Protein backbone atom coordinates (compact mmCIF):
# COMPACT_ATOMS: atom_id res chain seq x y z
CA MET A 1 5.01 27.59 -2.11
CA PRO A 2 6.49 26.19 1.90
CA SER A 3 3.58 25.82 4.29
CA SER A 4 3.00 28.73 6.50
CA PRO A 5 3.23 28.51 9.94
CA ASP A 6 -0.49 28.63 10.71
CA HIS A 7 -1.51 26.19 8.42
CA GLN A 8 2.19 23.60 10.36
CA ALA A 9 0.82 24.76 13.85
CA GLN A 10 -3.23 23.98 12.86
CA VAL A 11 -1.62 20.47 11.77
CA ARG A 12 0.54 19.92 14.56
CA ASP A 13 -1.91 20.61 17.30
CA PHE A 14 -4.82 18.30 15.73
CA TYR A 15 -2.58 15.12 15.86
CA GLU A 16 -0.88 15.98 19.11
CA GLU A 17 -4.67 16.03 20.61
CA ILE A 18 -5.80 13.22 18.45
CA PRO A 19 -3.03 10.78 18.00
CA TYR A 20 -3.78 8.49 14.74
CA PRO A 21 -4.67 5.67 14.69
CA ASN A 22 -6.16 5.12 17.76
CA ALA A 23 -5.02 1.29 18.15
CA PRO A 24 -3.62 -0.09 20.95
CA ILE A 25 0.20 0.05 21.79
CA PRO A 26 -0.01 -3.85 22.21
CA ASP A 27 -2.52 -4.52 18.85
CA SER A 28 0.26 -6.87 16.66
CA VAL A 29 0.12 -6.44 12.45
CA ARG A 30 1.45 -9.79 11.69
CA ASN A 31 -1.76 -10.91 10.20
CA ASN A 32 -2.69 -7.12 8.29
CA LEU A 33 -0.72 -8.66 4.70
CA ASP A 34 -2.59 -6.21 3.39
CA GLY A 35 -1.11 -3.41 5.25
CA LEU A 36 2.92 -5.10 5.57
CA PHE A 37 2.40 -5.72 1.39
CA LYS A 38 2.08 -1.37 1.22
CA VAL A 39 5.82 -1.07 2.89
CA ASN A 40 7.92 -4.43 2.14
CA TYR A 41 10.51 -3.52 0.31
CA THR A 42 11.29 -5.91 -1.49
CA THR A 43 7.68 -6.22 -3.25
CA ALA A 44 7.90 -2.84 -4.32
CA GLN A 45 11.90 -3.47 -5.32
CA TYR A 46 10.74 -6.88 -7.44
CA LEU A 47 8.00 -4.53 -8.91
CA ARG A 48 10.40 -1.69 -10.25
CA THR A 49 13.65 -4.13 -11.05
CA HIS A 50 12.33 -7.38 -11.28
CA GLN A 51 15.13 -8.10 -8.98
CA ILE A 52 14.47 -9.97 -5.48
CA GLN A 53 16.15 -8.24 -2.39
CA ASP A 54 16.20 -8.76 0.59
CA ASN A 55 16.00 -6.08 3.30
CA GLU A 56 19.17 -6.25 5.08
CA GLY A 57 21.14 -3.39 6.43
CA THR A 58 18.62 -1.21 4.38
CA VAL A 59 17.40 2.21 6.25
CA MET A 60 13.91 3.38 5.95
CA LEU A 61 11.75 5.88 6.85
CA ASN A 62 7.96 6.80 7.93
CA ALA A 63 7.82 10.03 7.38
CA GLY A 64 4.56 11.44 9.40
CA CYS A 65 5.01 8.74 11.72
CA GLY A 66 1.02 9.31 13.30
CA SER A 67 0.76 6.90 16.79
CA GLY A 68 3.36 4.49 15.01
CA TYR A 69 0.75 1.83 13.79
CA GLU A 70 2.35 2.37 9.94
CA THR A 71 6.42 2.07 11.80
CA LEU A 72 5.51 -1.03 13.51
CA LEU A 73 3.96 -2.54 9.82
CA LEU A 74 7.10 -0.93 8.64
CA ALA A 75 9.17 -3.16 11.26
CA GLU A 76 7.42 -6.10 10.74
CA SER A 77 7.74 -6.16 6.53
CA ASN A 78 11.08 -5.19 6.91
CA PRO A 79 12.91 -7.40 9.78
CA GLY A 80 16.38 -6.42 8.20
CA ALA A 81 16.14 -2.81 8.51
CA LYS A 82 16.68 0.44 10.13
CA ILE A 83 14.16 2.25 10.91
CA ILE A 84 13.42 5.97 11.14
CA ALA A 85 10.27 7.06 12.74
CA MET A 86 9.52 11.52 11.99
CA ASP A 87 6.58 13.60 12.48
CA ILE A 88 5.69 17.22 13.47
CA SER A 89 3.84 15.19 16.46
CA ARG A 90 5.92 15.49 19.99
CA GLU A 91 2.78 13.34 21.15
CA SER A 92 3.21 11.20 18.04
CA VAL A 93 6.55 10.63 18.76
CA LYS A 94 6.33 9.67 21.59
CA LEU A 95 3.62 7.04 21.41
CA THR A 96 5.81 5.41 17.52
CA GLU A 97 8.19 5.07 19.93
CA GLN A 98 6.81 3.09 22.63
CA ARG A 99 5.46 1.32 20.19
CA LEU A 100 8.08 -0.48 18.36
CA ARG A 101 9.46 -1.09 21.93
CA TYR A 102 6.67 -2.98 23.07
CA HIS A 103 6.95 -4.56 20.82
CA GLY A 104 11.00 -5.26 20.12
CA PHE A 105 12.30 -3.07 17.57
CA THR A 106 15.27 -1.81 18.49
CA ASN A 107 17.87 -0.86 15.94
CA ALA A 108 15.20 2.76 15.20
CA GLU A 109 15.80 6.02 16.02
CA TYR A 110 12.78 9.07 16.75
CA TYR A 111 12.49 12.39 15.80
CA VAL A 112 9.77 15.78 15.93
CA LEU A 113 10.92 17.89 12.88
CA ASP A 114 9.00 19.28 10.00
CA LEU A 115 8.97 17.42 6.40
CA ARG A 116 11.42 20.01 4.96
CA GLU A 117 14.57 19.79 7.83
CA LEU A 118 14.37 16.13 6.34
CA PRO A 119 18.24 16.68 5.18
CA SER A 120 19.19 17.62 8.82
CA LEU A 121 19.32 13.72 9.93
CA GLY A 122 22.49 12.97 7.38
CA TYR A 123 20.50 9.90 6.15
CA GLU A 124 19.49 9.21 2.52
CA TYR A 125 17.33 5.82 2.58
CA ASP A 126 16.32 2.52 0.86
CA PHE A 127 12.88 3.26 1.25
CA ILE A 128 10.37 5.89 2.26
CA THR A 129 6.71 5.63 3.57
CA CYS A 130 4.64 8.97 3.46
CA ASN A 131 1.30 8.02 4.42
CA ASP A 132 -1.99 9.80 4.56
CA VAL A 133 0.49 13.13 5.02
CA LEU A 134 1.29 14.87 1.77
CA TYR A 135 -2.66 15.87 1.04
CA LEU A 136 -2.56 17.56 4.19
CA LEU A 137 0.14 19.82 3.53
CA ASP A 138 -0.27 23.89 2.72
CA ASP A 139 1.72 22.76 -0.15
CA PRO A 140 1.77 18.47 -1.10
CA LEU A 141 4.53 19.55 -4.04
CA ASP A 142 6.66 21.21 -1.41
CA GLY A 143 6.29 17.69 0.94
CA LEU A 144 6.99 15.71 -1.63
CA LYS A 145 10.26 17.40 -2.95
CA SER A 146 11.29 17.22 0.58
CA VAL A 147 10.75 14.03 0.86
CA ALA A 148 12.49 12.75 -2.82
CA LYS A 149 16.17 15.08 -1.33
CA VAL A 150 16.59 12.09 1.06
CA LEU A 151 15.59 9.23 -0.76
CA LYS A 152 18.21 7.38 -3.12
CA SER A 153 19.12 7.42 -6.38
CA ASP A 154 17.67 3.30 -6.45
CA GLY A 155 15.08 4.19 -3.11
CA ILE A 156 11.61 3.63 -3.52
CA LEU A 157 9.14 6.37 -2.10
CA ARG A 158 5.67 4.78 -1.18
CA THR A 159 3.18 7.48 -0.85
CA ASN A 160 -0.72 8.45 -1.71
CA PHE A 161 -3.29 11.90 -1.62
CA HIS A 162 -6.41 11.30 -0.82
CA HIS A 163 -8.88 10.68 -4.40
CA ILE A 164 -10.76 13.70 -5.25
CA TYR A 165 -13.48 11.63 -6.24
CA GLY A 166 -13.33 8.79 -3.71
CA ARG A 167 -13.10 11.88 -0.97
CA ARG A 168 -15.37 13.88 -2.99
CA GLN A 169 -18.68 13.52 -0.34
CA MET A 170 -16.04 13.90 2.81
CA LEU A 171 -14.64 17.14 1.72
CA GLU A 172 -17.96 17.99 0.94
CA ALA A 173 -19.17 17.06 4.56
CA GLN A 174 -15.94 18.78 5.75
CA GLU A 175 -17.48 22.27 4.34
CA VAL A 176 -20.93 21.79 6.14
CA PHE A 177 -18.69 21.51 8.79
CA ARG A 178 -16.52 24.11 8.46
CA LEU A 179 -19.96 26.62 8.13
CA LEU A 180 -21.51 25.34 10.39
CA GLY A 181 -17.91 26.46 12.70
CA GLN A 182 -17.26 23.30 14.03
CA PHE A 183 -13.56 23.93 12.65
CA ASP A 184 -12.48 26.86 14.99
CA LEU A 185 -14.54 25.22 18.39
CA PRO A 186 -12.13 22.69 20.95
CA LYS A 187 -12.28 19.26 19.23
CA PRO A 188 -14.28 17.52 22.39
CA VAL A 189 -17.42 20.14 21.86
CA ALA A 190 -17.16 19.60 17.74
CA MET A 191 -16.60 16.25 17.68
CA GLU A 192 -20.02 16.23 20.05
CA ASN A 193 -21.77 18.38 17.63
CA VAL A 194 -20.57 16.00 14.64
CA ARG A 195 -21.50 13.02 16.21
CA ASN A 196 -24.81 14.65 17.57
CA PHE A 197 -25.23 15.94 13.85
CA LEU A 198 -24.45 12.73 12.21
CA GLU A 199 -27.13 11.03 14.42
CA ALA A 200 -30.02 13.84 13.42
CA LEU A 201 -29.16 13.12 9.50
CA GLN A 202 -31.80 11.58 8.11
CA PRO A 203 -30.70 8.08 6.72
CA THR A 204 -30.45 8.46 3.08
CA ILE A 205 -28.35 11.01 3.79
CA PRO A 206 -24.03 10.11 1.82
CA ALA A 207 -22.76 12.04 5.16
CA LYS A 208 -24.34 9.14 7.04
CA SER A 209 -25.14 5.92 5.05
CA SER A 210 -21.74 5.91 4.59
CA TYR A 211 -20.18 5.83 7.85
CA SER A 212 -20.78 3.06 10.44
CA GLN A 213 -22.64 3.62 13.73
CA ALA A 214 -19.18 2.29 14.92
CA ASN A 215 -17.05 5.03 12.57
CA ILE A 216 -19.08 7.69 14.43
CA LYS A 217 -18.37 6.80 18.23
CA ASP A 218 -15.14 6.53 17.61
CA ASN A 219 -13.45 10.03 18.21
CA ALA A 220 -10.26 9.53 16.46
CA ILE A 221 -11.62 8.09 13.33
CA LEU A 222 -14.27 10.85 13.38
CA ALA A 223 -12.47 13.62 13.38
CA ASN A 224 -10.00 12.21 10.71
CA ASN A 225 -12.47 12.59 8.48
CA PHE A 226 -14.95 15.17 8.89
CA LEU A 227 -12.36 17.68 11.05
CA LEU A 228 -9.68 17.77 9.03
CA TYR A 229 -8.14 19.92 8.85
CA GLY A 230 -5.85 21.20 5.31
CA ASP A 231 -7.77 17.47 4.01
CA LYS A 232 -8.04 18.01 0.02
CA GLY A 233 -8.22 15.66 -2.61
CA TYR A 234 -5.96 15.22 -6.53
CA SER A 235 -6.76 13.11 -9.59
CA ILE A 236 -3.95 11.03 -10.99
CA LEU A 237 -3.64 13.56 -14.19
CA GLU A 238 -3.08 15.99 -10.90
CA VAL A 239 -0.61 13.25 -9.64
CA SER A 240 1.08 12.39 -12.32
CA GLU A 241 2.31 16.16 -12.39
CA MET A 242 3.44 16.91 -9.20
CA LEU A 243 5.64 13.61 -9.51
CA LYS A 244 6.79 15.54 -12.76
CA GLN A 245 7.53 18.33 -11.10
CA ALA A 246 9.65 16.17 -8.07
CA LYS A 247 11.65 14.12 -10.20
CA LEU A 248 10.01 11.58 -9.78
CA GLY A 249 7.92 8.78 -11.08
CA ILE A 250 5.73 6.07 -10.36
CA VAL A 251 6.47 2.34 -10.22
CA ASN A 252 3.19 0.67 -9.42
CA LEU A 253 -0.10 1.60 -8.07
CA VAL A 254 -0.29 -0.50 -4.80
CA ASP A 255 -3.56 -1.68 -5.28
CA LEU A 256 -3.19 -1.68 -9.66
CA PRO A 257 -5.56 -4.55 -9.85
CA SER A 258 -8.01 -3.19 -8.99
CA TRP A 259 -7.90 -0.46 -11.80
CA ASN A 260 -8.86 -2.54 -14.16
CA LEU A 261 -11.22 -1.15 -17.37
CA GLU A 262 -12.36 -4.35 -18.03
CA ASP A 263 -14.12 -4.92 -14.62
CA LEU A 264 -16.17 -2.14 -15.38
CA PHE A 265 -17.71 -3.89 -17.86
CA THR A 266 -20.25 -7.26 -18.25
CA GLU A 267 -17.94 -7.66 -21.51
CA MET A 268 -16.31 -4.12 -23.37
CA PRO A 269 -18.09 -2.86 -26.44
CA SER A 270 -15.24 -3.18 -29.37
CA PHE A 271 -14.52 0.09 -30.05
CA VAL A 272 -14.00 1.00 -26.46
CA ALA A 273 -11.03 -1.67 -26.17
CA ASP A 274 -9.82 -0.60 -29.67
CA LYS A 275 -9.52 2.60 -28.48
CA ILE A 276 -7.66 2.22 -24.92
CA ARG A 277 -5.03 -0.28 -26.61
CA SER A 278 -3.43 3.01 -28.16
CA PHE A 279 -4.01 4.61 -24.46
CA SER A 280 -0.94 5.34 -21.87
CA GLN A 281 -1.51 3.43 -18.54
CA LEU A 282 -1.97 7.00 -17.12
CA GLU A 283 -5.21 7.75 -19.94
CA GLN A 284 -6.65 4.47 -18.63
CA LEU A 285 -6.14 5.32 -14.85
CA HIS A 286 -8.18 8.90 -16.07
CA LEU A 287 -10.74 6.92 -17.28
CA PHE A 288 -11.65 4.27 -14.49
CA GLU A 289 -11.72 7.39 -11.92
CA LEU A 290 -13.81 8.65 -13.87
CA LEU A 291 -15.97 5.92 -14.72
CA ALA A 292 -16.09 4.59 -11.26
CA PRO A 293 -15.20 7.48 -9.22
CA ASN A 294 -16.32 5.82 -5.51
CA ARG A 295 -14.28 3.30 -6.11
CA HIS A 296 -10.35 4.34 -4.22
CA ARG A 297 -10.79 6.32 -1.44
CA LEU A 298 -6.43 7.64 -1.97
CA ILE A 299 -4.24 6.97 -5.25
CA ASP A 300 -1.27 5.23 -2.91
CA PHE A 301 1.46 4.13 -5.03
CA TRP A 302 5.30 3.40 -5.08
CA ALA A 303 7.44 6.23 -7.23
CA GLU A 304 10.70 6.23 -7.83
CA GLN A 305 13.53 8.61 -8.80
CA SER A 306 12.70 9.22 -12.05
CA GLY A 307 14.35 7.03 -15.23
CA SER A 308 15.69 5.30 -12.55
CA SER A 309 14.79 1.89 -13.49
CA PHE A 310 14.07 0.03 -16.71
CA VAL A 311 11.99 -3.37 -16.54
CA LEU A 312 11.61 -5.75 -19.80
CA PRO A 313 8.92 -8.01 -19.37
CA TRP A 314 10.00 -11.91 -18.70
CA SER A 315 10.63 -13.75 -22.12
CA GLU A 316 9.78 -17.97 -22.03
CA GLU A 317 13.58 -18.39 -21.67
CA ASP A 318 13.83 -16.29 -17.93
CA TRP A 319 10.97 -18.76 -17.03
CA GLN A 320 12.72 -21.88 -17.85
CA SER A 321 15.41 -21.58 -16.46
CA ALA A 322 14.23 -19.86 -13.27
CA THR A 323 14.32 -20.41 -9.89
CA LEU A 324 10.36 -19.48 -8.37
CA TYR A 325 10.45 -18.02 -4.62
CA LEU A 326 7.13 -17.03 -2.50
CA ASN A 327 6.69 -13.10 -1.35
CA PRO A 328 8.41 -13.15 1.59
CA LEU A 329 5.33 -11.45 3.87
CA LEU A 330 3.90 -15.41 2.96
CA MET A 331 7.37 -17.40 3.96
CA ASP A 332 6.83 -15.64 7.54
CA ASN A 333 3.08 -16.08 8.54
CA THR A 334 2.20 -19.09 10.21
CA SER A 335 -2.21 -18.35 9.26
CA PHE A 336 -1.10 -18.98 5.55
CA ARG A 337 0.83 -22.06 6.17
CA GLY A 338 -1.46 -23.40 8.06
CA PHE A 339 -4.04 -22.51 5.01
CA VAL A 340 -2.21 -24.28 2.52
CA ASP A 341 -1.42 -27.71 4.76
CA LYS A 342 -4.91 -27.97 5.63
CA ALA A 343 -5.52 -27.63 1.74
CA VAL A 344 -2.97 -30.53 1.07
CA GLN A 345 -4.39 -32.69 3.84
CA LYS A 346 -8.41 -31.87 2.65
CA LYS A 347 -7.27 -32.18 -1.24
CA GLU A 348 -8.67 -28.73 -1.39
CA SER A 349 -8.78 -25.56 -3.32
CA LEU A 350 -7.59 -22.49 -0.98
CA ASN A 351 -8.81 -19.24 -0.91
CA PHE A 352 -7.13 -16.41 0.73
CA THR A 353 -6.36 -12.75 0.97
CA TRP A 354 -3.38 -11.34 -0.77
CA PRO A 355 -3.63 -7.16 -1.55
CA GLY A 356 -1.59 -7.77 -5.00
CA SER A 357 -4.41 -9.75 -6.62
CA PRO A 358 -7.85 -7.37 -8.22
CA SER A 359 -10.64 -8.40 -5.27
CA LYS A 360 -7.51 -9.06 -2.55
CA LYS A 361 -8.56 -12.40 -2.54
CA LEU A 362 -7.17 -15.55 -4.58
CA ASP A 363 -8.69 -19.24 -4.89
CA ILE A 364 -5.04 -21.30 -6.00
CA PRO A 365 -6.56 -24.67 -7.26
CA VAL A 366 -6.66 -27.75 -6.04
CA GLU A 367 -3.80 -29.41 -7.79
CA ARG A 368 -1.02 -25.74 -7.81
CA VAL A 369 -1.69 -25.81 -4.20
CA PRO A 370 0.59 -28.73 -3.60
CA LEU A 371 3.70 -26.80 -5.72
CA ILE A 372 2.64 -23.96 -3.50
CA GLN A 373 3.37 -25.95 -0.31
CA THR A 374 7.09 -26.63 -2.03
CA LEU A 375 7.41 -23.76 -2.90
CA LEU A 376 6.70 -22.63 1.46
CA GLU A 377 9.74 -24.77 2.26
CA ALA A 378 12.78 -23.33 0.01
CA PRO A 379 12.52 -21.48 -3.66
CA THR A 380 12.55 -24.06 -6.31
CA SER A 381 13.77 -24.22 -10.51
CA VAL A 382 10.50 -23.86 -12.57
CA GLY A 383 12.20 -27.15 -13.59
CA ASP A 384 11.21 -28.97 -10.32
CA LEU A 385 7.32 -27.55 -10.28
CA THR A 386 6.83 -28.95 -13.58
CA GLU A 387 7.79 -32.43 -12.04
CA GLN A 388 6.04 -32.41 -9.18
CA ALA A 389 3.29 -31.37 -11.71
CA TYR A 390 3.38 -34.06 -13.64
CA ASP A 391 3.70 -36.36 -10.95
CA LEU A 392 0.59 -35.13 -9.45
CA ALA A 393 -1.66 -35.62 -12.41
CA ARG A 394 -0.16 -39.25 -12.11
CA ARG A 395 1.92 -38.64 -16.16
CA ARG A 396 -1.62 -38.75 -17.62
CA GLN A 397 -0.51 -35.47 -19.35
CA PRO A 398 2.04 -35.24 -21.63
CA ARG A 399 4.85 -33.36 -19.95
CA GLU A 400 5.10 -30.22 -22.92
CA GLU A 401 1.16 -29.83 -21.81
CA ILE A 402 1.89 -29.32 -18.08
CA ALA A 403 4.98 -27.22 -18.21
CA GLU A 404 3.09 -24.83 -20.12
CA ASP A 405 0.37 -25.31 -17.72
CA VAL A 406 2.55 -24.51 -14.81
CA MET A 407 4.64 -21.47 -16.84
CA ILE A 408 0.77 -20.67 -17.46
CA TYR A 409 -0.79 -20.02 -14.02
CA PHE A 410 2.38 -19.33 -11.88
CA ASP A 411 3.15 -16.20 -14.41
CA ALA A 412 -0.75 -14.94 -14.13
CA ILE A 413 0.16 -15.21 -9.91
CA GLU A 414 3.89 -13.56 -10.79
CA ASP A 415 1.66 -10.01 -11.80
CA PHE A 416 0.37 -9.80 -8.47
CA ALA A 417 3.43 -9.68 -6.55
CA LEU A 418 2.34 -13.31 -5.14
CA VAL A 419 5.72 -15.34 -6.52
CA MET A 420 8.51 -13.77 -8.12
CA LEU A 421 11.23 -15.13 -10.46
CA GLY A 422 14.92 -15.68 -9.10
CA SER A 423 18.61 -17.00 -10.27
CA GLY A 424 17.92 -19.77 -7.15
CA ASP A 425 20.99 -17.70 -4.81
CA ASP A 426 18.88 -14.28 -4.67
CA PHE A 427 19.15 -14.25 -0.91
């Protein structure tokens, strides 16, 4: 069922008045690795196909661009792409254009339109990001199908839904303010009423204890949570069913390592371990959301046209003949390069933020940091990295053991898309 005109108008009017996010236009996103990771074409395609694909000449869409912060992430993360930004809110599109022009991105187009009107632009997209949008629609499945229509057969859609368990407390708070009539008032009045209400609550009440004073004072954050019109939540199973109906399949959750069942146990009981071996990934994710309902606000994922890819695990022979590439987000990150150089100079391990890892932190052992430094300079064959590790160990360990250790280590961090296997001539 298409979104009703009344629902659509209320969502549009909300964001005409309060474009989101409320980030100053001059703010740079270059060190926002978490945001850049989620919209990076090369990373998502590598996880989809085990192939390293450049973004040069691609066409990308930010569907529901808001004030343009997400669009800026998309442009920064994919410098060779043409960017199309659209939103139902004219004020939001205006801010998006101002933001991208300020940061020097000119290969972009901007449109005020509804998701269902996307085919009228005449584009098909290599990558689409539709962030914090679908759950606001009267009919999210209809919106998902509309976006899928303009996705290339080998393209990737990054989108998300509010998680019913992780969002439940906020959905209940919204119902409180709906009962108190705040959704019917002018936004400035309602925001002031909500702020006074929260400040007067006992500190043990979840609606207050889970939000900082800074967030309560920020109008955009306040409105986009406690007064968010159309907000809804879904379970993993419900999202999976919607994807099926839209003829899409999940490539990966963008934060998949943080959905690891083993992390919920000090030691997983043997009967649980035995049972979940027969579980599909979907069943394991559902079990996780039941056990740890408050871990995730969003079910955030990359999707593809159903059945458009098939990936086999890397073999030992693949590793032995491959060239390793560092994720392009790190190749272009001057802060990371500085951290690596400093760790090599001081002969220290390297601890840094990486969104693809389980806790969003990675600790590179001191003996592996020089190998990361080598990859920062250029893609390097696994054989050459093995020789470097052999030399660093002063040849005190058999070469075969060094080779196995190097392969095991890089195999582990390849799971987090920190490094990628290629042929040596991918870029």
